[in-house]
Amino acid sequence: MSELASKVPKLNRLFKFQFEKAQDCYVLLFPEGMIKLNGSASAILLQVDGTKSVGDIVAALQAEYPDAEGIEEDVLTFFEHAEQKRWINYV
């Protein structure tokens, strides 16, 4: 796993992560709008609590979805994207 695995992500305080009944999905709310998240992104962000490392999150998702292939790569790619979009910061 990459050096990213030891980093501890937390949600950027400019975003609010919540389930939106009207959209029937999790979303990220921010002052300029809303981002609808797919199931995979939602499952990852549900694990982000400011205490778990990326490696811990990968392990938790692998345990929750044992038949899913490529979880580690998908999670790492998600965190790279989320950092670029400034959805998350690292503690």
N, C-alpha and C. Protein backbone atom coordinates (compact mmCIF):
# COMPACT_ATOMS: atom_id res chain seq x y z
N MET A 1 0.85 -1.18 0.00
CA MET A 1 0.00 0.00 0.00
C MET A 1 0.90 1.24 0.00
N SER A 2 0.43 2.31 -0.51
CA SER A 2 1.21 3.53 -0.65
C SER A 2 1.34 4.27 0.68
N GLU A 3 2.11 5.35 0.65
CA GLU A 3 2.28 6.18 1.85
C GLU A 3 0.96 6.82 2.27
N LEU A 4 0.02 6.89 1.37
CA LEU A 4 -1.31 7.41 1.68
C LEU A 4 -1.99 6.58 2.76
N ALA A 5 -1.65 5.31 2.86
CA ALA A 5 -2.30 4.40 3.81
C ALA A 5 -2.16 4.85 5.26
N SER A 6 -1.09 5.53 5.59
CA SER A 6 -0.88 5.94 6.98
C SER A 6 -1.53 7.29 7.32
N LYS A 7 -2.01 7.99 6.32
CA LYS A 7 -2.64 9.29 6.55
C LYS A 7 -4.04 9.11 7.12
N VAL A 8 -4.45 10.07 7.95
CA VAL A 8 -5.77 10.03 8.58
C VAL A 8 -6.63 11.14 7.96
N PRO A 9 -7.63 10.75 7.16
CA PRO A 9 -8.47 11.76 6.51
C PRO A 9 -9.58 12.27 7.44
N LYS A 10 -9.97 13.49 7.19
CA LYS A 10 -11.16 14.05 7.84
C LYS A 10 -11.85 14.93 6.81
N LEU A 11 -13.15 15.06 6.97
CA LEU A 11 -13.94 15.86 6.05
C LEU A 11 -13.57 17.33 6.19
N ASN A 12 -13.37 18.00 5.08
CA ASN A 12 -13.13 19.44 5.09
C ASN A 12 -14.33 20.11 5.73
N ARG A 13 -14.09 21.04 6.63
CA ARG A 13 -15.19 21.66 7.38
C ARG A 13 -16.12 22.50 6.51
N LEU A 14 -15.72 22.76 5.27
CA LEU A 14 -16.59 23.49 4.34
C LEU A 14 -17.66 22.61 3.72
N PHE A 15 -17.56 21.29 3.95
CA PHE A 15 -18.51 20.33 3.38
C PHE A 15 -19.29 19.65 4.50
N LYS A 16 -20.53 19.32 4.19
CA LYS A 16 -21.35 18.54 5.12
C LYS A 16 -21.78 17.27 4.39
N PHE A 17 -21.50 16.11 5.00
CA PHE A 17 -21.82 14.81 4.43
C PHE A 17 -23.10 14.32 5.09
N GLN A 18 -24.12 14.04 4.29
CA GLN A 18 -25.38 13.57 4.87
C GLN A 18 -26.19 12.80 3.84
N PHE A 19 -27.14 12.02 4.36
CA PHE A 19 -28.09 11.33 3.49
C PHE A 19 -29.20 12.30 3.15
N GLU A 20 -29.48 12.43 1.89
CA GLU A 20 -30.52 13.34 1.41
C GLU A 20 -31.69 12.52 0.90
N LYS A 21 -32.79 12.55 1.64
CA LYS A 21 -33.96 11.75 1.27
C LYS A 21 -34.48 12.10 -0.12
N ALA A 22 -34.50 13.37 -0.44
CA ALA A 22 -35.02 13.81 -1.74
C ALA A 22 -34.19 13.25 -2.90
N GLN A 23 -32.90 13.06 -2.67
CA GLN A 23 -32.01 12.51 -3.71
C GLN A 23 -31.88 11.00 -3.60
N ASP A 24 -32.30 10.44 -2.46
CA ASP A 24 -32.17 9.01 -2.15
C ASP A 24 -30.71 8.54 -2.24
N CYS A 25 -29.82 9.40 -1.73
CA CYS A 25 -28.39 9.05 -1.72
C CYS A 25 -27.67 9.98 -0.75
N TYR A 26 -26.43 9.63 -0.47
CA TYR A 26 -25.58 10.52 0.31
C TYR A 26 -25.09 11.64 -0.58
N VAL A 27 -24.90 12.80 0.04
CA VAL A 27 -24.43 13.97 -0.69
C VAL A 27 -23.39 14.71 0.15
N LEU A 28 -22.62 15.53 -0.53
CA LEU A 28 -21.75 16.50 0.12
C LEU A 28 -22.35 17.86 -0.16
N LEU A 29 -22.71 18.56 0.89
CA LEU A 29 -23.26 19.91 0.75
C LEU A 29 -22.14 20.91 0.99
N PHE A 30 -22.16 21.99 0.23
CA PHE A 30 -21.20 23.07 0.42
C PHE A 30 -21.88 24.37 0.02
N PRO A 31 -21.30 25.52 0.37
CA PRO A 31 -22.01 26.79 0.13
C PRO A 31 -22.49 27.00 -1.30
N GLU A 32 -21.77 26.49 -2.30
CA GLU A 32 -22.15 26.73 -3.69
C GLU A 32 -23.04 25.64 -4.26
N GLY A 33 -23.33 24.58 -3.50
CA GLY A 33 -24.15 23.54 -4.09
C GLY A 33 -24.09 22.21 -3.38
N MET A 34 -24.25 21.15 -4.17
CA MET A 34 -24.34 19.79 -3.64
C MET A 34 -23.71 18.82 -4.63
N ILE A 35 -23.04 17.80 -4.09
CA ILE A 35 -22.45 16.75 -4.89
C ILE A 35 -23.15 15.45 -4.51
N LYS A 36 -23.79 14.80 -5.48
CA LYS A 36 -24.40 13.49 -5.25
C LYS A 36 -23.31 12.44 -5.29
N LEU A 37 -23.29 11.56 -4.31
CA LEU A 37 -22.26 10.53 -4.23
C LEU A 37 -22.82 9.17 -4.61
N ASN A 38 -22.00 8.35 -5.28
CA ASN A 38 -22.43 6.99 -5.58
C ASN A 38 -22.24 6.12 -4.33
N GLY A 39 -22.66 4.89 -4.41
CA GLY A 39 -22.60 3.99 -3.26
C GLY A 39 -21.20 3.76 -2.73
N SER A 40 -20.24 3.62 -3.63
CA SER A 40 -18.85 3.38 -3.22
C SER A 40 -18.28 4.58 -2.48
N ALA A 41 -18.47 5.76 -3.02
CA ALA A 41 -17.96 6.97 -2.37
C ALA A 41 -18.62 7.15 -1.01
N SER A 42 -19.91 6.86 -0.93
CA SER A 42 -20.63 6.98 0.35
C SER A 42 -20.08 6.01 1.38
N ALA A 43 -19.83 4.76 0.96
CA ALA A 43 -19.29 3.74 1.88
C ALA A 43 -17.93 4.17 2.41
N ILE A 44 -17.13 4.78 1.57
CA ILE A 44 -15.81 5.25 2.01
C ILE A 44 -15.97 6.40 2.99
N LEU A 45 -16.77 7.40 2.63
CA LEU A 45 -16.91 8.57 3.50
C LEU A 45 -17.58 8.25 4.83
N LEU A 46 -18.41 7.22 4.85
CA LEU A 46 -19.01 6.79 6.12
C LEU A 46 -17.93 6.31 7.11
N GLN A 47 -16.79 5.91 6.60
CA GLN A 47 -15.68 5.44 7.44
C GLN A 47 -14.79 6.58 7.93
N VAL A 48 -14.88 7.74 7.28
CA VAL A 48 -14.00 8.87 7.62
C VAL A 48 -14.50 9.53 8.90
N ASP A 49 -13.67 9.44 9.95
CA ASP A 49 -14.07 10.02 11.23
C ASP A 49 -12.96 10.85 11.88
N GLY A 50 -11.85 11.03 11.17
CA GLY A 50 -10.74 11.81 11.72
C GLY A 50 -9.83 11.02 12.63
N THR A 51 -10.11 9.72 12.82
CA THR A 51 -9.24 8.88 13.66
C THR A 51 -8.70 7.68 12.90
N LYS A 52 -9.44 7.19 11.91
CA LYS A 52 -9.01 6.02 11.14
C LYS A 52 -8.09 6.46 10.00
N SER A 53 -7.03 5.68 9.79
CA SER A 53 -6.14 5.94 8.66
C SER A 53 -6.78 5.39 7.39
N VAL A 54 -6.24 5.78 6.27
CA VAL A 54 -6.71 5.25 4.99
C VAL A 54 -6.57 3.73 5.00
N GLY A 55 -5.47 3.22 5.55
CA GLY A 55 -5.26 1.77 5.64
C GLY A 55 -6.33 1.10 6.49
N ASP A 56 -6.72 1.75 7.60
CA ASP A 56 -7.79 1.22 8.44
C ASP A 56 -9.11 1.17 7.67
N ILE A 57 -9.36 2.20 6.88
CA ILE A 57 -10.60 2.27 6.10
C ILE A 57 -10.62 1.18 5.04
N VAL A 58 -9.48 0.97 4.39
CA VAL A 58 -9.38 -0.11 3.40
C VAL A 58 -9.69 -1.45 4.07
N ALA A 59 -9.07 -1.69 5.22
CA ALA A 59 -9.28 -2.96 5.93
C ALA A 59 -10.74 -3.13 6.34
N ALA A 60 -11.37 -2.07 6.83
CA ALA A 60 -12.78 -2.15 7.23
C ALA A 60 -13.68 -2.47 6.04
N LEU A 61 -13.41 -1.84 4.91
CA LEU A 61 -14.23 -2.08 3.72
C LEU A 61 -13.98 -3.47 3.14
N GLN A 62 -12.75 -3.94 3.21
CA GLN A 62 -12.46 -5.31 2.76
C GLN A 62 -13.19 -6.32 3.62
N ALA A 63 -13.29 -6.05 4.94
CA ALA A 63 -14.02 -6.95 5.83
C ALA A 63 -15.52 -6.89 5.57
N GLU A 64 -16.02 -5.69 5.27
CA GLU A 64 -17.46 -5.51 5.03
C GLU A 64 -17.89 -6.09 3.68
N TYR A 65 -17.00 -6.00 2.70
CA TYR A 65 -17.30 -6.47 1.34
C TYR A 65 -16.23 -7.48 0.89
N PRO A 66 -16.19 -8.66 1.49
CA PRO A 66 -15.11 -9.62 1.22
C PRO A 66 -15.06 -10.13 -0.23
N ASP A 67 -16.16 -10.10 -0.93
CA ASP A 67 -16.18 -10.60 -2.31
C ASP A 67 -15.82 -9.55 -3.35
N ALA A 68 -15.74 -8.31 -2.92
CA ALA A 68 -15.42 -7.22 -3.86
C ALA A 68 -13.93 -7.22 -4.16
N GLU A 69 -13.60 -7.12 -5.43
CA GLU A 69 -12.20 -7.10 -5.84
C GLU A 69 -11.75 -5.67 -6.09
N GLY A 70 -10.50 -5.39 -5.79
CA GLY A 70 -9.92 -4.08 -6.09
C GLY A 70 -10.30 -2.97 -5.14
N ILE A 71 -10.75 -3.31 -3.94
CA ILE A 71 -11.18 -2.28 -2.99
C ILE A 71 -10.02 -1.34 -2.66
N GLU A 72 -8.85 -1.89 -2.39
CA GLU A 72 -7.72 -1.05 -2.00
C GLU A 72 -7.43 0.01 -3.06
N GLU A 73 -7.34 -0.41 -4.29
CA GLU A 73 -7.05 0.54 -5.38
C GLU A 73 -8.17 1.57 -5.51
N ASP A 74 -9.42 1.13 -5.41
CA ASP A 74 -10.56 2.05 -5.52
C ASP A 74 -10.54 3.08 -4.40
N VAL A 75 -10.25 2.64 -3.17
CA VAL A 75 -10.23 3.57 -2.03
C VAL A 75 -9.10 4.58 -2.19
N LEU A 76 -7.93 4.12 -2.57
CA LEU A 76 -6.79 5.02 -2.76
C LEU A 76 -7.09 6.04 -3.85
N THR A 77 -7.69 5.59 -4.94
CA THR A 77 -8.07 6.50 -6.03
C THR A 77 -9.10 7.51 -5.54
N PHE A 78 -10.07 7.05 -4.76
CA PHE A 78 -11.08 7.96 -4.22
C PHE A 78 -10.42 9.05 -3.38
N PHE A 79 -9.51 8.66 -2.47
CA PHE A 79 -8.89 9.66 -1.59
C PHE A 79 -8.02 10.64 -2.38
N GLU A 80 -7.37 10.18 -3.42
CA GLU A 80 -6.60 11.11 -4.26
C GLU A 80 -7.54 12.13 -4.89
N HIS A 81 -8.67 11.66 -5.41
CA HIS A 81 -9.67 12.54 -6.02
C HIS A 81 -10.27 13.49 -4.98
N ALA A 82 -10.64 12.95 -3.83
CA ALA A 82 -11.27 13.76 -2.77
C ALA A 82 -10.32 14.85 -2.27
N GLU A 83 -9.03 14.53 -2.21
CA GLU A 83 -8.05 15.54 -1.79
C GLU A 83 -7.93 16.62 -2.85
N GLN A 84 -7.89 16.24 -4.12
CA GLN A 84 -7.81 17.23 -5.20
C GLN A 84 -9.02 18.16 -5.19
N LYS A 85 -10.19 17.59 -4.90
CA LYS A 85 -11.43 18.38 -4.87
C LYS A 85 -11.62 19.13 -3.55
N ARG A 86 -10.69 18.88 -2.61
CA ARG A 86 -10.70 19.51 -1.28
C ARG A 86 -11.88 19.08 -0.42
N TRP A 87 -12.41 17.86 -0.70
CA TRP A 87 -13.47 17.33 0.14
C TRP A 87 -12.92 16.89 1.48
N ILE A 88 -11.66 16.46 1.48
CA ILE A 88 -11.04 15.96 2.71
C ILE A 88 -9.69 16.66 2.93
N ASN A 89 -9.27 16.64 4.20
CA ASN A 89 -7.94 17.07 4.61
C ASN A 89 -7.35 15.89 5.38
N TYR A 90 -6.08 15.99 5.67
CA TYR A 90 -5.46 14.95 6.50
C TYR A 90 -5.03 15.55 7.83
N VAL A 91 -5.28 14.76 8.89
CA VAL A 91 -4.97 15.20 10.26
C VAL A 91 -3.47 15.25 10.44
